[in-house]
Amino acid sequence: LALTCLQELRKQFPDSHRVKRLTGM
């Protein structure tokens, strides 16, 4: 489920530091 959410966020915000932090988490 975490990966599903993360993939959607990456598509919408590919350069976001916030999304990159979620990737790290």
PDB file of all heavy atoms in Angstrom:
ATOM      1  N   LEU A   1       0.825  -1.201   0.000  1.00  0.00           N
ATOM      2  CA  LEU A   1       0.000   0.000   0.000  1.00  0.00           C
ATOM      3  C   LEU A   1       0.865   1.259   0.000  1.00  0.00           C
ATOM      4  O   LEU A   1       0.556   2.236  -0.702  1.00  0.00           O
ATOM      5  CB  LEU A   1      -0.925  -0.010   1.217  1.00  0.00           C
ATOM      6  CG  LEU A   1      -1.852   1.184   1.406  1.00  0.00           C
ATOM      7  CD1 LEU A   1      -2.768   1.358   0.191  1.00  0.00           C
ATOM      8  CD2 LEU A   1      -2.679   1.019   2.678  1.00  0.00           C
ATOM      9  N   ALA A   2       1.953   1.237   0.784  1.00  0.00           N
ATOM     10  CA  ALA A   2       2.860   2.389   0.831  1.00  0.00           C
ATOM     11  C   ALA A   2       3.430   2.681  -0.555  1.00  0.00           C
ATOM     12  O   ALA A   2       3.501   3.840  -0.985  1.00  0.00           O
ATOM     13  CB  ALA A   2       3.986   2.134   1.826  1.00  0.00           C
ATOM     14  N   LEU A   3       3.823   1.637  -1.271  1.00  0.00           N
ATOM     15  CA  LEU A   3       4.399   1.810  -2.602  1.00  0.00           C
ATOM     16  C   LEU A   3       3.360   2.338  -3.587  1.00  0.00           C
ATOM     17  O   LEU A   3       3.673   3.197  -4.430  1.00  0.00           O
ATOM     18  CB  LEU A   3       4.977   0.489  -3.096  1.00  0.00           C
ATOM     19  CG  LEU A   3       5.712   0.515  -4.443  1.00  0.00           C
ATOM     20  CD1 LEU A   3       6.853   1.526  -4.412  1.00  0.00           C
ATOM     21  CD2 LEU A   3       6.229  -0.869  -4.808  1.00  0.00           C
ATOM     22  N   THR A   4       2.138   1.868  -3.497  1.00  0.00           N
ATOM     23  CA  THR A   4       1.064   2.367  -4.368  1.00  0.00           C
ATOM     24  C   THR A   4       0.875   3.872  -4.185  1.00  0.00           C
ATOM     25  O   THR A   4       0.792   4.634  -5.159  1.00  0.00           O
ATOM     26  CB  THR A   4      -0.258   1.642  -4.059  1.00  0.00           C
ATOM     27  OG1 THR A   4      -0.099   0.250  -4.342  1.00  0.00           O
ATOM     28  CG2 THR A   4      -1.400   2.197  -4.890  1.00  0.00           C
ATOM     29  N   CYS A   5       0.807   4.307  -2.920  1.00  0.00           N
ATOM     30  CA  CYS A   5       0.643   5.738  -2.629  1.00  0.00           C
ATOM     31  C   CYS A   5       1.841   6.535  -3.125  1.00  0.00           C
ATOM     32  O   CYS A   5       1.695   7.613  -3.713  1.00  0.00           O
ATOM     33  CB  CYS A   5       0.444   5.946  -1.131  1.00  0.00           C
ATOM     34  SG  CYS A   5      -1.049   5.207  -0.442  1.00  0.00           S
ATOM     35  N   LEU A   6       3.048   6.011  -2.877  1.00  0.00           N
ATOM     36  CA  LEU A   6       4.268   6.711  -3.265  1.00  0.00           C
ATOM     37  C   LEU A   6       4.357   6.874  -4.781  1.00  0.00           C
ATOM     38  O   LEU A   6       4.752   7.935  -5.285  1.00  0.00           O
ATOM     39  CB  LEU A   6       5.486   5.944  -2.734  1.00  0.00           C
ATOM     40  CG  LEU A   6       6.866   6.570  -3.003  1.00  0.00           C
ATOM     41  CD1 LEU A   6       6.948   7.973  -2.409  1.00  0.00           C
ATOM     42  CD2 LEU A   6       7.961   5.685  -2.429  1.00  0.00           C
ATOM     43  N   GLN A   7       3.990   5.862  -5.512  1.00  0.00           N
ATOM     44  CA  GLN A   7       4.049   5.933  -6.977  1.00  0.00           C
ATOM     45  C   GLN A   7       3.112   7.014  -7.516  1.00  0.00           C
ATOM     46  O   GLN A   7       3.467   7.734  -8.462  1.00  0.00           O
ATOM     47  CB  GLN A   7       3.703   4.566  -7.581  1.00  0.00           C
ATOM     48  CG  GLN A   7       4.814   3.539  -7.409  1.00  0.00           C
ATOM     49  CD  GLN A   7       4.402   2.136  -7.814  1.00  0.00           C
ATOM     50  OE1 GLN A   7       3.205   1.818  -7.844  1.00  0.00           O
ATOM     51  NE2 GLN A   7       5.369   1.286  -8.132  1.00  0.00           N
ATOM     52  N   GLU A   8       1.936   7.131  -6.924  1.00  0.00           N
ATOM     53  CA  GLU A   8       1.006   8.179  -7.359  1.00  0.00           C
ATOM     54  C   GLU A   8       1.567   9.570  -7.055  1.00  0.00           C
ATOM     55  O   GLU A   8       1.431  10.496  -7.862  1.00  0.00           O
ATOM     56  CB  GLU A   8      -0.353   8.000  -6.672  1.00  0.00           C
ATOM     57  CG  GLU A   8      -1.103   6.741  -7.069  1.00  0.00           C
ATOM     58  CD  GLU A   8      -1.463   6.728  -8.542  1.00  0.00           C
ATOM     59  OE1 GLU A   8      -1.734   7.812  -9.110  1.00  0.00           O
ATOM     60  OE2 GLU A   8      -1.482   5.633  -9.145  1.00  0.00           O
ATOM     61  N   LEU A   9       2.183   9.710  -5.899  1.00  0.00           N
ATOM     62  CA  LEU A   9       2.763  11.004  -5.532  1.00  0.00           C
ATOM     63  C   LEU A   9       3.955  11.353  -6.423  1.00  0.00           C
ATOM     64  O   LEU A   9       4.142  12.519  -6.804  1.00  0.00           O
ATOM     65  CB  LEU A   9       3.199  10.972  -4.057  1.00  0.00           C
ATOM     66  CG  LEU A   9       2.049  10.959  -3.039  1.00  0.00           C
ATOM     67  CD1 LEU A   9       2.558  10.594  -1.653  1.00  0.00           C
ATOM     68  CD2 LEU A   9       1.347  12.327  -3.002  1.00  0.00           C
ATOM     69  N   ARG A  10       4.759  10.361  -6.780  1.00  0.00           N
ATOM     70  CA  ARG A  10       5.886  10.602  -7.675  1.00  0.00           C
ATOM     71  C   ARG A  10       5.419  11.090  -9.049  1.00  0.00           C
ATOM     72  O   ARG A  10       6.033  11.975  -9.652  1.00  0.00           O
ATOM     73  CB  ARG A  10       6.703   9.317  -7.843  1.00  0.00           C
ATOM     74  CG  ARG A  10       7.664   9.011  -6.708  1.00  0.00           C
ATOM     75  CD  ARG A  10       8.291   7.666  -6.967  1.00  0.00           C
ATOM     76  NE  ARG A  10       9.267   7.279  -5.959  1.00  0.00           N
ATOM     77  CZ  ARG A  10       9.676   6.035  -5.799  1.00  0.00           C
ATOM     78  NH1 ARG A  10       9.190   5.060  -6.565  1.00  0.00           N
ATOM     79  NH2 ARG A  10      10.571   5.743  -4.872  1.00  0.00           N
ATOM     80  N   LYS A  11       4.353  10.489  -9.544  1.00  0.00           N
ATOM     81  CA  LYS A  11       3.828  10.907 -10.850  1.00  0.00           C
ATOM     82  C   LYS A  11       3.386  12.366 -10.828  1.00  0.00           C
ATOM     83  O   LYS A  11       3.611  13.117 -11.775  1.00  0.00           O
ATOM     84  CB  LYS A  11       2.635  10.027 -11.245  1.00  0.00           C
ATOM     85  CG  LYS A  11       2.977   8.603 -11.612  1.00  0.00           C
ATOM     86  CD  LYS A  11       1.676   7.836 -11.910  1.00  0.00           C
ATOM     87  CE  LYS A  11       1.916   6.337 -12.006  1.00  0.00           C
ATOM     88  NZ  LYS A  11       0.631   5.589 -12.159  1.00  0.00           N
ATOM     89  N   GLN A  12       2.735  12.752  -9.748  1.00  0.00           N
ATOM     90  CA  GLN A  12       2.188  14.106  -9.650  1.00  0.00           C
ATOM     91  C   GLN A  12       3.256  15.138  -9.292  1.00  0.00           C
ATOM     92  O   GLN A  12       3.219  16.275  -9.774  1.00  0.00           O
ATOM     93  CB  GLN A  12       1.071  14.132  -8.601  1.00  0.00           C
ATOM     94  CG  GLN A  12       0.381  15.476  -8.446  1.00  0.00           C
ATOM     95  CD  GLN A  12      -0.450  15.852  -9.661  1.00  0.00           C
ATOM     96  OE1 GLN A  12      -0.753  14.998 -10.502  1.00  0.00           O
ATOM     97  NE2 GLN A  12      -0.824  17.115  -9.766  1.00  0.00           N
ATOM     98  N   PHE A  13       4.212  14.744  -8.423  1.00  0.00           N
ATOM     99  CA  PHE A  13       5.231  15.691  -7.945  1.00  0.00           C
ATOM    100  C   PHE A  13       6.627  15.078  -8.114  1.00  0.00           C
ATOM    101  O   PHE A  13       7.282  14.712  -7.120  1.00  0.00           O
ATOM    102  CB  PHE A  13       4.986  16.027  -6.464  1.00  0.00           C
ATOM    103  CG  PHE A  13       3.573  16.446  -6.150  1.00  0.00           C
ATOM    104  CD1 PHE A  13       2.697  15.568  -5.521  1.00  0.00           C
ATOM    105  CD2 PHE A  13       3.113  17.713  -6.474  1.00  0.00           C
ATOM    106  CE1 PHE A  13       1.396  15.940  -5.227  1.00  0.00           C
ATOM    107  CE2 PHE A  13       1.807  18.101  -6.179  1.00  0.00           C
ATOM    108  CZ  PHE A  13       0.943  17.208  -5.556  1.00  0.00           C
ATOM    109  N   PRO A  14       7.107  14.954  -9.354  1.00  0.00           N
ATOM    110  CA  PRO A  14       8.369  14.227  -9.594  1.00  0.00           C
ATOM    111  C   PRO A  14       9.609  14.867  -8.979  1.00  0.00           C
ATOM    112  O   PRO A  14      10.575  14.165  -8.681  1.00  0.00           O
ATOM    113  CB  PRO A  14       8.465  14.202 -11.128  1.00  0.00           C
ATOM    114  CG  PRO A  14       7.597  15.328 -11.586  1.00  0.00           C
ATOM    115  CD  PRO A  14       6.490  15.428 -10.603  1.00  0.00           C
ATOM    116  N   ASP A  15       9.582  16.174  -8.744  1.00  0.00           N
ATOM    117  CA  ASP A  15      10.774  16.859  -8.224  1.00  0.00           C
ATOM    118  C   ASP A  15      10.609  17.328  -6.785  1.00  0.00           C
ATOM    119  O   ASP A  15      11.428  18.103  -6.283  1.00  0.00           O
ATOM    120  CB  ASP A  15      11.105  18.071  -9.121  1.00  0.00           C
ATOM    121  CG  ASP A  15      11.393  17.659 -10.555  1.00  0.00           C
ATOM    122  OD1 ASP A  15      12.108  16.646 -10.744  1.00  0.00           O
ATOM    123  OD2 ASP A  15      10.896  18.334 -11.477  1.00  0.00           O
ATOM    124  N   SER A  16       9.573  16.877  -6.127  1.00  0.00           N
ATOM    125  CA  SER A  16       9.269  17.362  -4.775  1.00  0.00           C
ATOM    126  C   SER A  16      10.214  16.769  -3.736  1.00  0.00           C
ATOM    127  O   SER A  16      10.397  15.549  -3.676  1.00  0.00           O
ATOM    128  CB  SER A  16       7.826  16.998  -4.417  1.00  0.00           C
ATOM    129  OG  SER A  16       7.592  17.146  -3.043  1.00  0.00           O
ATOM    130  N   HIS A  17      10.804  17.639  -2.914  1.00  0.00           N
ATOM    131  CA  HIS A  17      11.629  17.164  -1.798  1.00  0.00           C
ATOM    132  C   HIS A  17      10.793  16.372  -0.794  1.00  0.00           C
ATOM    133  O   HIS A  17      11.288  15.433  -0.168  1.00  0.00           O
ATOM    134  CB  HIS A  17      12.291  18.344  -1.098  1.00  0.00           C
ATOM    135  CG  HIS A  17      13.409  18.942  -1.875  1.00  0.00           C
ATOM    136  ND1 HIS A  17      13.963  20.171  -1.588  1.00  0.00           N
ATOM    137  CD2 HIS A  17      14.099  18.475  -2.947  1.00  0.00           C
ATOM    138  CE1 HIS A  17      14.932  20.439  -2.438  1.00  0.00           C
ATOM    139  NE2 HIS A  17      15.039  19.434  -3.275  1.00  0.00           N
ATOM    140  N   ARG A  18       9.547  16.782  -0.647  1.00  0.00           N
ATOM    141  CA  ARG A  18       8.657  16.094   0.294  1.00  0.00           C
ATOM    142  C   ARG A  18       8.435  14.647  -0.137  1.00  0.00           C
ATOM    143  O   ARG A  18       8.451  13.725   0.694  1.00  0.00           O
ATOM    144  CB  ARG A  18       7.339  16.848   0.359  1.00  0.00           C
ATOM    145  CG  ARG A  18       6.365  16.373   1.424  1.00  0.00           C
ATOM    146  CD  ARG A  18       5.336  17.450   1.632  1.00  0.00           C
ATOM    147  NE  ARG A  18       4.242  17.036   2.484  1.00  0.00           N
ATOM    148  CZ  ARG A  18       3.327  17.878   2.962  1.00  0.00           C
ATOM    149  NH1 ARG A  18       3.406  19.152   2.680  1.00  0.00           N
ATOM    150  NH2 ARG A  18       2.345  17.440   3.734  1.00  0.00           N
ATOM    151  N   VAL A  19       8.236  14.437  -1.434  1.00  0.00           N
ATOM    152  CA  VAL A  19       8.043  13.080  -1.942  1.00  0.00           C
ATOM    153  C   VAL A  19       9.346  12.288  -1.861  1.00  0.00           C
ATOM    154  O   VAL A  19       9.342  11.089  -1.551  1.00  0.00           O
ATOM    155  CB  VAL A  19       7.502  13.116  -3.389  1.00  0.00           C
ATOM    156  CG1 VAL A  19       7.432  11.705  -3.970  1.00  0.00           C
ATOM    157  CG2 VAL A  19       6.122  13.770  -3.421  1.00  0.00           C
ATOM    158  N   LYS A  20      10.476  12.951  -2.103  1.00  0.00           N
ATOM    159  CA  LYS A  20      11.766  12.270  -1.970  1.00  0.00           C
ATOM    160  C   LYS A  20      12.002  11.834  -0.525  1.00  0.00           C
ATOM    161  O   LYS A  20      12.565  10.758  -0.274  1.00  0.00           O
ATOM    162  CB  LYS A  20      12.900  13.187  -2.434  1.00  0.00           C
ATOM    163  CG  LYS A  20      12.929  13.416  -3.941  1.00  0.00           C
ATOM    164  CD  LYS A  20      14.034  14.389  -4.333  1.00  0.00           C
ATOM    165  CE  LYS A  20      14.030  14.645  -5.836  1.00  0.00           C
ATOM    166  NZ  LYS A  20      15.035  15.652  -6.237  1.00  0.00           N
ATOM    167  N   ARG A  21      11.544  12.665   0.414  1.00  0.00           N
ATOM    168  CA  ARG A  21      11.671  12.274   1.831  1.00  0.00           C
ATOM    169  C   ARG A  21      10.805  11.056   2.130  1.00  0.00           C
ATOM    170  O   ARG A  21      11.215  10.160   2.885  1.00  0.00           O
ATOM    171  CB  ARG A  21      11.273  13.447   2.732  1.00  0.00           C
ATOM    172  CG  ARG A  21      11.244  13.100   4.218  1.00  0.00           C
ATOM    173  CD  ARG A  21      11.056  14.335   5.063  1.00  0.00           C
ATOM    174  NE  ARG A  21       9.859  15.068   4.714  1.00  0.00           N
ATOM    175  CZ  ARG A  21       8.636  14.790   5.166  1.00  0.00           C
ATOM    176  NH1 ARG A  21       8.456  13.750   5.966  1.00  0.00           N
ATOM    177  NH2 ARG A  21       7.615  15.534   4.821  1.00  0.00           N
ATOM    178  N   LEU A  22       9.606  11.006   1.554  1.00  0.00           N
ATOM    179  CA  LEU A  22       8.750   9.832   1.731  1.00  0.00           C
ATOM    180  C   LEU A  22       9.405   8.583   1.149  1.00  0.00           C
ATOM    181  O   LEU A  22       9.286   7.489   1.712  1.00  0.00           O
ATOM    182  CB  LEU A  22       7.392  10.069   1.068  1.00  0.00           C
ATOM    183  CG  LEU A  22       6.491  11.124   1.726  1.00  0.00           C
ATOM    184  CD1 LEU A  22       5.269  11.381   0.861  1.00  0.00           C
ATOM    185  CD2 LEU A  22       6.080  10.691   3.130  1.00  0.00           C
ATOM    186  N   THR A  23      10.118   8.743   0.028  1.00  0.00           N
ATOM    187  CA  THR A  23      10.865   7.616  -0.545  1.00  0.00           C
ATOM    188  C   THR A  23      11.910   7.118   0.448  1.00  0.00           C
ATOM    189  O   THR A  23      12.071   5.907   0.649  1.00  0.00           O
ATOM    190  CB  THR A  23      11.552   8.042  -1.861  1.00  0.00           C
ATOM    191  OG1 THR A  23      10.566   8.511  -2.777  1.00  0.00           O
ATOM    192  CG2 THR A  23      12.308   6.871  -2.480  1.00  0.00           C
ATOM    193  N   GLY A  24      12.605   8.062   1.076  1.00  0.00           N
ATOM    194  CA  GLY A  24      13.588   7.693   2.095  1.00  0.00           C
ATOM    195  C   GLY A  24      12.960   6.993   3.275  1.00  0.00           C
ATOM    196  O   GLY A  24      13.509   6.016   3.807  1.00  0.00           O
ATOM    197  N   MET A  25      11.783   7.433   3.690  1.00  0.00           N
ATOM    198  CA  MET A  25      11.097   6.799   4.820  1.00  0.00           C
ATOM    199  C   MET A  25      10.711   5.361   4.498  1.00  0.00           C
ATOM    200  O   MET A  25      10.783   4.481   5.356  1.00  0.00           O
ATOM    201  CB  MET A  25       9.864   7.620   5.209  1.00  0.00           C
ATOM    202  CG  MET A  25      10.195   8.960   5.836  1.00  0.00           C
ATOM    203  SD  MET A  25       8.747  10.019   6.095  1.00  0.00           S
ATOM    204  CE  MET A  25       7.826   9.061   7.295  1.00  0.00           C
TER     205      MET A  25
END
